[in-house]
Protein backbone atom coordinates (compact mmCIF):
# COMPACT_ATOMS: atom_id res chain seq x y z
CA MET A 1 47.12 -2.05 -19.82
CA TYR A 2 47.46 0.89 -17.42
CA LEU A 3 49.17 0.13 -14.11
CA ALA A 4 49.13 3.08 -11.74
CA GLY A 5 50.93 1.52 -8.77
CA TRP A 6 52.21 -1.67 -7.22
CA GLN A 7 53.21 -3.30 -3.98
CA LYS A 8 56.14 -5.59 -4.57
CA LEU A 9 55.42 -7.98 -1.72
CA SER A 10 52.19 -8.79 0.12
CA LEU A 11 51.33 -11.54 2.56
CA VAL A 12 47.66 -10.56 2.97
CA ASP A 13 46.18 -9.74 -0.45
CA PHE A 14 46.12 -13.31 -1.84
CA PRO A 15 44.88 -15.84 0.75
CA GLY A 16 47.64 -18.25 1.68
CA ARG A 17 50.06 -16.88 -0.93
CA VAL A 18 53.08 -14.60 -1.16
CA ALA A 19 52.13 -12.13 -3.86
CA CYS A 20 52.90 -8.96 -5.73
CA THR A 21 49.92 -6.58 -5.92
CA LEU A 22 49.31 -4.44 -9.01
CA PHE A 23 46.87 -1.53 -9.10
CA THR A 24 45.20 -0.45 -12.33
CA GLY A 25 44.08 3.14 -12.85
CA GLY A 26 40.47 4.20 -13.36
CA CYS A 27 37.16 3.03 -11.92
CA ASN A 28 33.52 3.31 -12.96
CA LEU A 29 32.39 3.81 -9.34
CA ARG A 30 32.99 6.66 -6.91
CA CYS A 31 32.59 5.10 -3.47
CA PRO A 32 32.87 7.92 -0.92
CA TYR A 33 34.85 5.71 1.47
CA CYS A 34 37.33 4.39 -1.13
CA HIS A 35 40.87 3.73 0.13
CA ASN A 36 42.35 4.05 -3.37
CA SER A 37 40.66 7.26 -4.50
CA GLU A 38 43.90 8.47 -6.07
CA LEU A 39 43.40 5.76 -8.70
CA LEU A 40 39.83 6.66 -9.66
CA GLU A 41 40.42 9.19 -12.44
CA GLY A 42 43.22 7.23 -14.07
CA ASP A 43 45.61 10.19 -14.21
CA MET A 44 48.49 8.86 -12.11
CA PRO A 45 51.90 8.19 -13.70
CA ARG A 46 52.03 4.89 -15.51
CA VAL A 47 54.09 2.01 -14.13
CA GLU A 48 56.09 0.42 -16.93
CA LEU A 49 54.92 -3.12 -17.59
CA GLN A 50 58.40 -4.31 -18.45
CA GLU A 51 59.67 -3.15 -15.06
CA VAL A 52 56.97 -5.24 -13.40
CA LEU A 53 57.66 -8.29 -15.53
CA ASP A 54 61.42 -8.03 -14.92
CA TYR A 55 60.74 -7.92 -11.18
CA LEU A 56 58.47 -10.96 -11.37
CA ASP A 57 61.07 -12.89 -13.36
CA LYS A 58 63.73 -12.13 -10.75
CA ARG A 59 61.43 -13.31 -7.93
CA GLN A 60 60.65 -16.72 -9.37
CA GLY A 61 60.49 -19.21 -6.55
CA ILE A 62 59.77 -16.47 -4.02
CA LEU A 63 56.43 -15.14 -5.23
CA ASP A 64 53.49 -17.50 -5.56
CA GLY A 65 51.30 -15.15 -7.51
CA VAL A 66 50.08 -11.73 -8.52
CA VAL A 67 47.03 -9.78 -7.40
CA VAL A 68 45.53 -7.51 -10.05
CA SER A 69 43.49 -4.88 -8.25
CA GLY A 70 42.43 -1.31 -8.79
CA GLY A 71 40.62 0.89 -9.50
CA GLU A 72 38.69 -1.58 -11.58
CA PRO A 73 40.94 -3.94 -13.59
CA CYS A 74 38.15 -5.15 -15.88
CA MET A 75 37.96 -1.66 -17.42
CA GLN A 76 41.39 -2.21 -18.95
CA PRO A 77 41.27 -3.23 -22.63
CA GLY A 78 44.55 -5.14 -22.26
CA LEU A 79 43.59 -7.04 -19.11
CA LEU A 80 43.10 -10.49 -20.62
CA ASP A 81 46.35 -10.36 -22.58
CA PHE A 82 48.19 -9.22 -19.45
CA LEU A 83 46.71 -12.03 -17.36
CA ALA A 84 47.87 -14.48 -20.03
CA VAL A 85 51.40 -13.09 -19.73
CA LEU A 86 51.31 -13.62 -15.98
CA LYS A 87 50.01 -17.18 -16.36
CA SER A 88 52.76 -17.93 -18.89
CA ARG A 89 55.21 -17.30 -16.05
CA ASP A 90 53.55 -20.02 -13.94
CA LEU A 91 52.17 -17.47 -11.50
CA LEU A 92 48.86 -17.77 -9.73
CA VAL A 93 46.57 -14.83 -10.43
CA LYS A 94 44.00 -13.23 -8.15
CA LEU A 95 41.62 -10.71 -9.66
CA ASP A 96 39.84 -8.04 -7.62
CA THR A 97 36.69 -6.65 -9.23
CA ASN A 98 33.49 -4.78 -8.47
CA GLY A 99 31.50 -7.13 -10.70
CA CYS A 100 30.35 -4.49 -13.18
CA TYR A 101 32.04 -6.17 -16.15
CA PRO A 102 30.71 -9.74 -16.30
CA ASP A 103 31.71 -10.29 -19.93
CA VAL A 104 35.37 -9.66 -19.15
CA LEU A 105 35.13 -11.75 -16.00
CA GLN A 106 33.59 -14.62 -17.92
CA GLN A 107 36.37 -14.58 -20.50
CA ALA A 108 39.00 -14.61 -17.78
CA LEU A 109 37.30 -17.57 -16.12
CA GLU A 110 36.74 -19.54 -19.31
CA GLN A 111 40.29 -19.00 -20.52
CA GLY A 112 41.78 -20.13 -17.21
CA LEU A 113 43.48 -16.79 -16.61
CA VAL A 114 42.57 -16.43 -12.94
CA ASP A 115 42.96 -18.71 -9.93
CA TYR A 116 41.03 -16.69 -7.35
CA VAL A 117 38.53 -13.83 -7.55
CA ALA A 118 37.57 -11.33 -4.89
CA MET A 119 34.40 -9.44 -5.80
CA ASP A 120 33.00 -6.49 -3.90
CA LEU A 121 29.32 -6.49 -3.06
CA LYS A 122 28.90 -2.92 -1.89
CA ASN A 123 25.44 -2.87 -0.34
CA SER A 124 21.79 -3.77 -0.84
CA PRO A 125 20.32 -2.97 -4.27
CA GLU A 126 18.38 -0.03 -2.81
CA GLU A 127 21.52 1.48 -1.29
CA TYR A 128 24.01 0.71 -4.05
CA ALA A 129 23.85 4.14 -5.68
CA LEU A 130 24.50 5.96 -2.41
CA THR A 131 27.31 3.60 -1.49
CA THR A 132 29.03 3.80 -4.88
CA GLY A 133 28.53 7.50 -5.59
CA THR A 134 26.83 6.94 -8.93
CA ASP A 135 23.26 6.75 -10.21
CA SER A 136 24.11 4.32 -13.02
CA VAL A 137 24.73 1.15 -11.05
CA PRO A 138 24.52 -1.95 -13.32
CA LEU A 139 22.85 -4.24 -10.80
CA GLU A 140 21.99 -6.86 -13.40
CA LYS A 141 25.64 -7.06 -14.42
CA ILE A 142 26.66 -7.42 -10.79
CA ARG A 143 24.09 -10.17 -10.38
CA LYS A 144 25.45 -11.89 -13.49
CA SER A 145 29.02 -11.74 -12.16
CA VAL A 146 28.00 -13.45 -8.92
CA GLU A 147 26.20 -16.14 -10.88
CA GLN A 148 29.25 -16.71 -13.08
CA LEU A 149 31.45 -17.18 -10.03
CA LEU A 150 28.98 -19.63 -8.51
CA THR A 151 28.99 -21.76 -11.66
CA GLN A 152 32.80 -21.95 -11.91
CA LYS A 153 35.15 -24.18 -9.96
CA ILE A 154 37.79 -21.62 -8.98
CA PRO A 155 37.74 -20.31 -5.41
CA PHE A 156 36.29 -16.87 -4.83
CA GLU A 157 35.06 -14.55 -2.14
CA LEU A 158 32.53 -11.79 -1.87
CA ARG A 159 33.43 -8.89 0.39
CA THR A 160 31.72 -5.83 1.79
CA THR A 161 33.48 -2.91 3.42
CA VAL A 162 31.10 -2.03 6.23
CA VAL A 163 30.58 1.63 7.16
CA VAL A 164 28.34 2.73 10.04
CA GLN A 165 26.88 5.58 8.00
CA LEU A 166 26.09 3.40 4.96
CA HIS A 167 25.11 -0.02 6.29
CA SER A 168 22.49 -1.37 8.67
CA LYS A 169 20.78 -4.61 9.57
CA HIS A 170 18.30 -3.90 6.79
CA SER A 171 21.19 -3.57 4.32
CA PHE A 172 22.39 -7.10 5.00
CA GLU A 173 18.89 -8.54 5.00
CA ARG A 174 18.41 -7.10 1.51
CA MET A 175 21.84 -8.26 0.38
CA ARG A 176 20.91 -11.76 1.51
CA ASP A 177 17.67 -11.50 -0.43
CA PHE A 178 19.61 -10.34 -3.50
CA LEU A 179 21.81 -13.44 -3.32
CA LEU A 180 19.19 -16.05 -2.39
CA PRO A 181 17.82 -16.58 -5.94
CA LEU A 182 21.37 -17.09 -7.27
CA VAL A 183 22.17 -19.61 -4.56
CA ALA A 184 18.93 -21.43 -5.28
CA LYS A 185 19.51 -21.38 -9.04
CA THR A 186 23.07 -22.73 -8.92
CA GLY A 187 22.65 -24.97 -5.88
CA LYS A 188 25.79 -23.45 -4.36
CA LYS A 189 26.44 -20.99 -1.55
CA ILE A 190 29.03 -18.24 -1.55
CA PRO A 191 32.13 -20.11 -0.29
CA ASP A 192 33.55 -17.19 1.69
CA PHE A 193 32.00 -13.82 2.49
CA TYR A 194 34.21 -11.21 4.18
CA LEU A 195 32.87 -8.27 6.15
CA GLN A 196 35.62 -5.68 6.26
CA ALA A 197 35.51 -2.95 8.89
CA PHE A 198 36.05 0.46 7.29
CA ARG A 199 39.40 2.06 8.05
CA ASP A 200 39.94 5.76 7.61
CA ARG A 201 43.02 7.08 5.85
CA GLU A 202 44.16 10.21 4.04
CA THR A 203 43.07 8.95 0.63
CA VAL A 204 39.42 8.48 1.66
CA PRO A 205 37.64 11.23 -0.32
CA PHE A 206 35.00 12.14 2.29
CA ALA A 207 35.32 12.64 6.03
CA GLY A 208 32.97 11.49 8.77
CA PHE A 209 32.84 7.74 8.16
CA SER A 210 33.39 5.21 10.93
CA ALA A 211 33.59 1.45 11.43
CA PRO A 212 31.14 -0.79 13.29
CA ASP A 213 32.33 -2.79 16.27
CA ARG A 214 32.90 -6.55 16.26
CA ASN A 215 29.51 -7.36 17.77
CA THR A 216 27.72 -5.43 15.04
CA LEU A 217 29.74 -7.12 12.30
CA GLU A 218 29.03 -10.53 13.80
CA ALA A 219 25.30 -9.74 13.85
CA TYR A 220 25.41 -8.68 10.21
CA GLY A 221 27.37 -11.81 9.33
CA SER A 222 24.77 -14.05 10.95
CA LEU A 223 22.21 -12.73 8.46
CA LEU A 224 24.27 -14.15 5.59
CA ALA A 225 24.34 -17.74 6.86
CA THR A 226 21.68 -18.87 4.37
CA VAL A 227 23.75 -17.69 1.38
CA ALA A 228 27.37 -18.21 2.51
CA ASN A 229 29.24 -21.25 3.76
CA ASN A 230 31.65 -19.09 5.75
CA VAL A 231 31.44 -15.51 6.93
CA HIS A 232 34.68 -13.89 8.07
CA LEU A 233 35.54 -10.56 9.68
CA ARG A 234 38.46 -8.38 8.63
CA GLY A 235 39.88 -5.35 10.37
CA VAL A 236 38.52 -5.99 13.87
């Protein structure tokens, strides 16, 4: 289990919870607008797991849970064992994932190792490669991950970081169409879908990206009403 960084206290990463956020190193995608690009190659110094666990033990009664983010946590061969260690400490666990590893996600769900999942849905199928910086996008695996979440009882959210240069009305129409068969098959809508306005920072690997305004985000969100119970805006 490779941890490349951590935030000891967060009030925003785990809805309604006081949490510690852990960042794993390495990712299979190369999104040009990524906020955590320093984690992508997996070559940052390793955070010692025992240091993290000692901190969590000392904060019992203060922290509600732990967010395991990345990079892409489901790439880590020791993820499931690590989640079990966290659960053994009576901590709630939120997992952030890009949905490219449905087998790992399914095991985490079936074994009761996660209490909340936030999954990125980057763009429409036609625009996924451009948005993720890779030609080998496993769309069927992403589809499978969404279906798995819809068939489980734990709360989850889908989220899209919206970039003016990468998203349009057509993008969200096609994203809706991507999700409609899954909603119809399971008889359930996405409980919460978050549209996150892009925010520039030094770690973003490419320059020139910008965020849409609130009115544009609201218009995009209205297109998702047939597949999501609630659509929320972040960052505006």
